[in-house]
Amino acid sequence: MVGARSTRQKRAIAAVLAASKEFRSVQGIHAQLRASGQRVGLTTVYNQLRALAATGDVDVLRAEDGENLYRRCASDSHHHHLLCRLCGATVEIDSHQLETLTENLAVEAGFTDVTHTVEIVGTCPRH
């Protein structure tokens, strides 16, 4: 949470994210905070997670149902995730082929200063 003023709510949200290896929904994070006795509003959780995602302090991906999921990732470099649609398990991937494809598509279309978000959803080997 670089450059952000530390508040009780921010610290509580950061603690939940630090303790979890899986991507979590806003509602799930909020429910865990409430269950642990934290007084924090759902809107505050949404706003804090959106701010953390904007600064790159958390990764965000969109599940098949359209819900944003959040996780603090160990990797500081650009990467993508495979998400299991059944259990929510995630695997971080660093695909040079995907990055090359993205760059080539942008060049072919005449685009510059391109960023991208890719969600890859499937079923993990456990299912």
N, C-alpha and C. Protein backbone atom coordinates (compact mmCIF):
# COMPACT_ATOMS: atom_id res chain seq x y z
N MET A 1 0.84 -1.18 0.00
CA MET A 1 0.00 0.00 0.00
C MET A 1 0.88 1.24 0.00
N VAL A 2 1.64 1.37 -1.06
CA VAL A 2 2.59 2.44 -1.20
C VAL A 2 1.87 3.78 -1.32
N GLY A 3 2.34 4.76 -0.57
CA GLY A 3 1.83 6.11 -0.68
C GLY A 3 0.46 6.32 -0.09
N ALA A 4 -0.12 5.32 0.47
CA ALA A 4 -1.47 5.45 1.01
C ALA A 4 -1.40 5.67 2.51
N ARG A 5 -2.30 6.50 2.99
CA ARG A 5 -2.40 6.73 4.42
C ARG A 5 -2.90 5.45 5.07
N SER A 6 -2.25 5.04 6.14
CA SER A 6 -2.63 3.81 6.82
C SER A 6 -3.82 4.07 7.75
N THR A 7 -4.86 3.29 7.55
CA THR A 7 -6.03 3.37 8.42
C THR A 7 -6.29 1.98 8.99
N ARG A 8 -7.10 1.91 9.99
CA ARG A 8 -7.46 0.64 10.60
C ARG A 8 -8.05 -0.30 9.55
N GLN A 9 -8.94 0.24 8.70
CA GLN A 9 -9.58 -0.58 7.68
C GLN A 9 -8.56 -1.11 6.66
N LYS A 10 -7.65 -0.24 6.23
CA LYS A 10 -6.63 -0.67 5.26
C LYS A 10 -5.75 -1.76 5.84
N ARG A 11 -5.36 -1.60 7.10
CA ARG A 11 -4.53 -2.62 7.73
C ARG A 11 -5.28 -3.94 7.86
N ALA A 12 -6.56 -3.88 8.18
CA ALA A 12 -7.36 -5.10 8.32
C ALA A 12 -7.50 -5.81 6.98
N ILE A 13 -7.76 -5.06 5.92
CA ILE A 13 -7.89 -5.65 4.58
C ILE A 13 -6.55 -6.24 4.15
N ALA A 14 -5.46 -5.52 4.41
CA ALA A 14 -4.13 -6.01 4.06
C ALA A 14 -3.82 -7.31 4.80
N ALA A 15 -4.25 -7.43 6.04
CA ALA A 15 -4.01 -8.65 6.82
C ALA A 15 -4.76 -9.83 6.23
N VAL A 16 -6.00 -9.61 5.81
CA VAL A 16 -6.79 -10.68 5.18
C VAL A 16 -6.11 -11.13 3.89
N LEU A 17 -5.68 -10.18 3.07
CA LEU A 17 -5.03 -10.53 1.81
C LEU A 17 -3.71 -11.26 2.05
N ALA A 18 -2.95 -10.81 3.04
CA ALA A 18 -1.65 -11.43 3.32
C ALA A 18 -1.81 -12.86 3.81
N ALA A 19 -2.93 -13.17 4.46
CA ALA A 19 -3.14 -14.49 5.02
C ALA A 19 -3.74 -15.48 4.03
N SER A 20 -4.07 -15.04 2.83
CA SER A 20 -4.74 -15.89 1.86
C SER A 20 -3.90 -16.05 0.61
N LYS A 21 -3.81 -17.28 0.12
CA LYS A 21 -3.08 -17.54 -1.12
C LYS A 21 -4.02 -17.54 -2.33
N GLU A 22 -5.31 -17.62 -2.08
CA GLU A 22 -6.30 -17.70 -3.15
C GLU A 22 -6.86 -16.32 -3.48
N PHE A 23 -7.40 -16.19 -4.67
CA PHE A 23 -8.14 -14.98 -5.03
C PHE A 23 -9.42 -14.97 -4.22
N ARG A 24 -9.80 -13.80 -3.76
CA ARG A 24 -10.97 -13.66 -2.89
C ARG A 24 -11.92 -12.60 -3.44
N SER A 25 -13.20 -12.83 -3.22
CA SER A 25 -14.20 -11.84 -3.62
C SER A 25 -14.27 -10.73 -2.58
N VAL A 26 -14.79 -9.59 -2.97
CA VAL A 26 -14.99 -8.48 -2.04
C VAL A 26 -15.90 -8.92 -0.91
N GLN A 27 -16.98 -9.62 -1.27
CA GLN A 27 -17.93 -10.05 -0.25
C GLN A 27 -17.29 -11.04 0.72
N GLY A 28 -16.45 -11.93 0.22
CA GLY A 28 -15.75 -12.88 1.07
C GLY A 28 -14.80 -12.21 2.03
N ILE A 29 -14.07 -11.22 1.53
CA ILE A 29 -13.15 -10.46 2.38
C ILE A 29 -13.93 -9.70 3.44
N HIS A 30 -15.01 -9.06 3.01
CA HIS A 30 -15.85 -8.30 3.94
C HIS A 30 -16.43 -9.22 5.02
N ALA A 31 -16.92 -10.38 4.63
CA ALA A 31 -17.49 -11.33 5.59
C ALA A 31 -16.45 -11.79 6.60
N GLN A 32 -15.22 -12.03 6.13
CA GLN A 32 -14.16 -12.44 7.05
C GLN A 32 -13.81 -11.32 8.03
N LEU A 33 -13.77 -10.11 7.53
CA LEU A 33 -13.49 -8.97 8.41
C LEU A 33 -14.56 -8.83 9.48
N ARG A 34 -15.83 -8.92 9.06
CA ARG A 34 -16.95 -8.80 10.01
C ARG A 34 -16.93 -9.94 11.03
N ALA A 35 -16.64 -11.15 10.56
CA ALA A 35 -16.60 -12.30 11.46
C ALA A 35 -15.50 -12.18 12.51
N SER A 36 -14.44 -11.47 12.16
CA SER A 36 -13.33 -11.29 13.12
C SER A 36 -13.54 -10.07 14.01
N GLY A 37 -14.71 -9.42 13.87
CA GLY A 37 -15.03 -8.29 14.74
C GLY A 37 -14.64 -6.93 14.19
N GLN A 38 -14.13 -6.89 12.97
CA GLN A 38 -13.75 -5.61 12.36
C GLN A 38 -15.00 -4.86 11.92
N ARG A 39 -15.05 -3.61 12.23
CA ARG A 39 -16.16 -2.76 11.77
C ARG A 39 -15.71 -2.03 10.52
N VAL A 40 -16.08 -2.58 9.39
CA VAL A 40 -15.71 -1.99 8.11
C VAL A 40 -16.87 -2.22 7.14
N GLY A 41 -17.22 -1.19 6.41
CA GLY A 41 -18.32 -1.28 5.46
C GLY A 41 -17.92 -1.93 4.17
N LEU A 42 -18.90 -2.52 3.51
CA LEU A 42 -18.67 -3.18 2.23
C LEU A 42 -18.14 -2.18 1.19
N THR A 43 -18.67 -0.98 1.19
CA THR A 43 -18.20 0.05 0.25
C THR A 43 -16.73 0.37 0.49
N THR A 44 -16.33 0.43 1.74
CA THR A 44 -14.92 0.69 2.07
C THR A 44 -14.04 -0.42 1.52
N VAL A 45 -14.47 -1.67 1.66
CA VAL A 45 -13.69 -2.79 1.15
C VAL A 45 -13.57 -2.69 -0.37
N TYR A 46 -14.69 -2.42 -1.06
CA TYR A 46 -14.64 -2.22 -2.51
C TYR A 46 -13.65 -1.13 -2.88
N ASN A 47 -13.75 0.02 -2.24
CA ASN A 47 -12.90 1.16 -2.57
C ASN A 47 -11.43 0.87 -2.31
N GLN A 48 -11.13 0.24 -1.18
CA GLN A 48 -9.75 -0.06 -0.85
C GLN A 48 -9.15 -1.07 -1.83
N LEU A 49 -9.90 -2.09 -2.18
CA LEU A 49 -9.39 -3.08 -3.12
C LEU A 49 -9.21 -2.48 -4.52
N ARG A 50 -10.11 -1.64 -4.92
CA ARG A 50 -9.97 -0.96 -6.21
C ARG A 50 -8.71 -0.08 -6.22
N ALA A 51 -8.46 0.61 -5.13
CA ALA A 51 -7.26 1.46 -5.03
C ALA A 51 -6.00 0.61 -5.02
N LEU A 52 -6.01 -0.51 -4.30
CA LEU A 52 -4.85 -1.40 -4.26
C LEU A 52 -4.57 -2.00 -5.62
N ALA A 53 -5.62 -2.33 -6.37
CA ALA A 53 -5.45 -2.87 -7.72
C ALA A 53 -4.87 -1.81 -8.66
N ALA A 54 -5.32 -0.57 -8.50
CA ALA A 54 -4.85 0.51 -9.37
C ALA A 54 -3.37 0.79 -9.17
N THR A 55 -2.88 0.60 -7.96
CA THR A 55 -1.46 0.85 -7.69
C THR A 55 -0.60 -0.40 -7.91
N GLY A 56 -1.24 -1.52 -8.24
CA GLY A 56 -0.50 -2.75 -8.48
C GLY A 56 -0.15 -3.51 -7.21
N ASP A 57 -0.72 -3.11 -6.09
CA ASP A 57 -0.44 -3.80 -4.83
C ASP A 57 -1.18 -5.12 -4.71
N VAL A 58 -2.25 -5.30 -5.48
CA VAL A 58 -2.94 -6.59 -5.54
C VAL A 58 -3.25 -6.90 -6.99
N ASP A 59 -3.37 -8.18 -7.26
CA ASP A 59 -3.81 -8.62 -8.58
C ASP A 59 -5.32 -8.73 -8.54
N VAL A 60 -5.93 -8.48 -9.67
CA VAL A 60 -7.37 -8.62 -9.79
C VAL A 60 -7.66 -9.40 -11.06
N LEU A 61 -8.59 -10.33 -10.96
CA LEU A 61 -9.05 -11.00 -12.17
C LEU A 61 -10.55 -11.13 -12.11
N ARG A 62 -11.13 -11.29 -13.26
CA ARG A 62 -12.58 -11.36 -13.37
C ARG A 62 -12.98 -12.82 -13.55
N ALA A 63 -13.81 -13.31 -12.63
CA ALA A 63 -14.31 -14.68 -12.71
C ALA A 63 -15.32 -14.79 -13.85
N GLU A 64 -15.69 -16.00 -14.19
CA GLU A 64 -16.64 -16.22 -15.28
C GLU A 64 -17.98 -15.53 -15.04
N ASP A 65 -18.36 -15.39 -13.77
CA ASP A 65 -19.64 -14.74 -13.47
C ASP A 65 -19.53 -13.21 -13.47
N GLY A 66 -18.33 -12.68 -13.78
CA GLY A 66 -18.13 -11.24 -13.87
C GLY A 66 -17.65 -10.59 -12.59
N GLU A 67 -17.56 -11.35 -11.52
CA GLU A 67 -17.12 -10.79 -10.24
C GLU A 67 -15.60 -10.63 -10.22
N ASN A 68 -15.13 -9.49 -9.72
CA ASN A 68 -13.71 -9.28 -9.55
C ASN A 68 -13.22 -10.02 -8.31
N LEU A 69 -12.06 -10.66 -8.46
CA LEU A 69 -11.43 -11.38 -7.37
C LEU A 69 -10.05 -10.77 -7.13
N TYR A 70 -9.61 -10.74 -5.87
CA TYR A 70 -8.38 -10.04 -5.50
C TYR A 70 -7.44 -10.95 -4.73
N ARG A 71 -6.13 -10.72 -4.92
CA ARG A 71 -5.12 -11.46 -4.18
C ARG A 71 -3.82 -10.66 -4.22
N ARG A 72 -3.11 -10.71 -3.12
CA ARG A 72 -1.77 -10.13 -3.09
C ARG A 72 -0.83 -11.19 -3.65
N CYS A 73 -0.18 -10.89 -4.75
CA CYS A 73 0.70 -11.86 -5.39
C CYS A 73 2.14 -11.65 -4.98
N ALA A 74 2.89 -12.75 -5.03
CA ALA A 74 4.30 -12.69 -4.67
C ALA A 74 5.12 -12.04 -5.79
N SER A 75 4.64 -12.12 -7.00
CA SER A 75 5.40 -11.63 -8.15
C SER A 75 5.13 -10.15 -8.39
N ASP A 76 6.19 -9.38 -8.55
CA ASP A 76 6.06 -7.96 -8.87
C ASP A 76 6.04 -7.73 -10.38
N SER A 77 6.38 -8.75 -11.15
CA SER A 77 6.43 -8.58 -12.60
C SER A 77 5.07 -8.90 -13.22
N HIS A 78 4.89 -8.44 -14.43
CA HIS A 78 3.64 -8.67 -15.16
C HIS A 78 3.45 -10.17 -15.37
N HIS A 79 2.26 -10.67 -15.05
CA HIS A 79 1.96 -12.08 -15.22
C HIS A 79 0.45 -12.26 -15.33
N HIS A 80 0.05 -13.48 -15.61
CA HIS A 80 -1.36 -13.82 -15.75
C HIS A 80 -1.67 -15.01 -14.86
N HIS A 81 -2.95 -15.38 -14.83
CA HIS A 81 -3.37 -16.48 -13.97
C HIS A 81 -4.28 -17.44 -14.71
N LEU A 82 -4.15 -18.70 -14.34
CA LEU A 82 -5.13 -19.72 -14.70
C LEU A 82 -6.03 -19.86 -13.49
N LEU A 83 -7.34 -19.85 -13.69
CA LEU A 83 -8.30 -19.92 -12.59
C LEU A 83 -9.19 -21.14 -12.79
N CYS A 84 -9.29 -21.99 -11.77
CA CYS A 84 -10.19 -23.15 -11.84
C CYS A 84 -11.61 -22.68 -11.56
N ARG A 85 -12.50 -22.97 -12.49
CA ARG A 85 -13.89 -22.54 -12.35
C ARG A 85 -14.63 -23.32 -11.27
N LEU A 86 -14.10 -24.46 -10.86
CA LEU A 86 -14.79 -25.27 -9.86
C LEU A 86 -14.36 -24.98 -8.43
N CYS A 87 -13.06 -24.86 -8.21
CA CYS A 87 -12.59 -24.69 -6.83
C CYS A 87 -11.91 -23.35 -6.57
N GLY A 88 -11.64 -22.58 -7.62
CA GLY A 88 -11.01 -21.28 -7.44
C GLY A 88 -9.50 -21.32 -7.34
N ALA A 89 -8.89 -22.49 -7.48
CA ALA A 89 -7.43 -22.59 -7.45
C ALA A 89 -6.85 -21.75 -8.57
N THR A 90 -5.70 -21.15 -8.30
CA THR A 90 -5.05 -20.32 -9.31
C THR A 90 -3.59 -20.72 -9.47
N VAL A 91 -3.10 -20.51 -10.68
CA VAL A 91 -1.70 -20.75 -11.00
C VAL A 91 -1.20 -19.50 -11.72
N GLU A 92 -0.10 -18.94 -11.24
CA GLU A 92 0.50 -17.80 -11.93
C GLU A 92 1.28 -18.31 -13.13
N ILE A 93 1.11 -17.62 -14.26
CA ILE A 93 1.84 -17.99 -15.46
C ILE A 93 2.53 -16.75 -16.03
N ASP A 94 3.69 -16.98 -16.58
CA ASP A 94 4.44 -15.93 -17.26
C ASP A 94 4.65 -16.43 -18.68
N SER A 95 3.84 -15.95 -19.60
CA SER A 95 3.85 -16.47 -20.96
C SER A 95 4.43 -15.46 -21.94
N HIS A 96 5.61 -15.76 -22.42
CA HIS A 96 6.23 -14.89 -23.43
C HIS A 96 5.44 -14.93 -24.73
N GLN A 97 4.84 -16.08 -25.04
CA GLN A 97 4.04 -16.20 -26.25
C GLN A 97 2.83 -15.28 -26.20
N LEU A 98 2.18 -15.19 -25.05
CA LEU A 98 1.03 -14.32 -24.89
C LEU A 98 1.44 -12.85 -25.02
N GLU A 99 2.56 -12.51 -24.44
CA GLU A 99 3.05 -11.12 -24.52
C GLU A 99 3.41 -10.77 -25.96
N THR A 100 4.04 -11.69 -26.67
CA THR A 100 4.40 -11.45 -28.07
C THR A 100 3.15 -11.29 -28.92
N LEU A 101 2.15 -12.15 -28.71
CA LEU A 101 0.89 -12.05 -29.44
C LEU A 101 0.24 -10.69 -29.20
N THR A 102 0.19 -10.27 -27.95
CA THR A 102 -0.42 -8.98 -27.61
C THR A 102 0.30 -7.84 -28.32
N GLU A 103 1.63 -7.85 -28.27
CA GLU A 103 2.40 -6.79 -28.94
C GLU A 103 2.18 -6.80 -30.44
N ASN A 104 2.17 -7.98 -31.05
CA ASN A 104 1.96 -8.09 -32.50
C ASN A 104 0.57 -7.60 -32.91
N LEU A 105 -0.45 -7.98 -32.16
CA LEU A 105 -1.81 -7.53 -32.47
C LEU A 105 -1.91 -6.00 -32.38
N ALA A 106 -1.28 -5.43 -31.37
CA ALA A 106 -1.32 -3.97 -31.20
C ALA A 106 -0.62 -3.27 -32.37
N VAL A 107 0.55 -3.77 -32.75
CA VAL A 107 1.30 -3.17 -33.86
C VAL A 107 0.50 -3.26 -35.15
N GLU A 108 -0.08 -4.44 -35.42
CA GLU A 108 -0.87 -4.62 -36.64
C GLU A 108 -2.04 -3.65 -36.71
N ALA A 109 -2.61 -3.32 -35.57
CA ALA A 109 -3.77 -2.41 -35.54
C ALA A 109 -3.34 -0.96 -35.39
N GLY A 110 -2.03 -0.71 -35.27
CA GLY A 110 -1.55 0.66 -35.15
C GLY A 110 -1.67 1.25 -33.75
N PHE A 111 -1.87 0.42 -32.76
CA PHE A 111 -2.01 0.89 -31.38
C PHE A 111 -0.65 1.04 -30.71
N THR A 112 -0.56 2.00 -29.80
CA THR A 112 0.63 2.18 -28.99
C THR A 112 0.22 2.28 -27.52
N ASP A 113 1.19 2.22 -26.64
CA ASP A 113 0.95 2.33 -25.20
C ASP A 113 -0.15 1.36 -24.75
N VAL A 114 0.01 0.09 -25.15
CA VAL A 114 -1.01 -0.93 -24.92
C VAL A 114 -0.77 -1.65 -23.60
N THR A 115 -1.83 -1.86 -22.86
CA THR A 115 -1.81 -2.75 -21.71
C THR A 115 -2.88 -3.80 -21.95
N HIS A 116 -2.85 -4.84 -21.16
CA HIS A 116 -3.86 -5.89 -21.36
C HIS A 116 -4.12 -6.64 -20.07
N THR A 117 -5.29 -7.25 -20.04
CA THR A 117 -5.71 -8.13 -18.96
C THR A 117 -6.24 -9.40 -19.60
N VAL A 118 -5.76 -10.53 -19.15
CA VAL A 118 -6.19 -11.80 -19.71
C VAL A 118 -6.60 -12.70 -18.55
N GLU A 119 -7.81 -13.23 -18.60
CA GLU A 119 -8.26 -14.22 -17.63
C GLU A 119 -8.40 -15.55 -18.36
N ILE A 120 -7.72 -16.55 -17.86
CA ILE A 120 -7.80 -17.87 -18.43
C ILE A 120 -8.48 -18.76 -17.39
N VAL A 121 -9.66 -19.25 -17.74
CA VAL A 121 -10.47 -20.02 -16.80
C VAL A 121 -10.66 -21.42 -17.36
N GLY A 122 -10.50 -22.40 -16.50
CA GLY A 122 -10.67 -23.78 -16.90
C GLY A 122 -10.95 -24.63 -15.68
N THR A 123 -10.70 -25.91 -15.82
CA THR A 123 -10.88 -26.85 -14.72
C THR A 123 -9.53 -27.46 -14.38
N CYS A 124 -9.15 -27.35 -13.10
CA CYS A 124 -7.82 -27.81 -12.67
C CYS A 124 -7.76 -29.34 -12.64
N PRO A 125 -6.57 -29.90 -12.56
CA PRO A 125 -6.40 -31.36 -12.57
C PRO A 125 -7.08 -32.10 -11.42
N ARG A 126 -7.38 -31.39 -10.33
CA ARG A 126 -8.03 -32.05 -9.18
C ARG A 126 -9.49 -32.40 -9.47
N HIS A 127 -10.05 -31.86 -10.56
CA HIS A 127 -11.49 -32.09 -10.82
C HIS A 127 -11.65 -32.88 -12.09
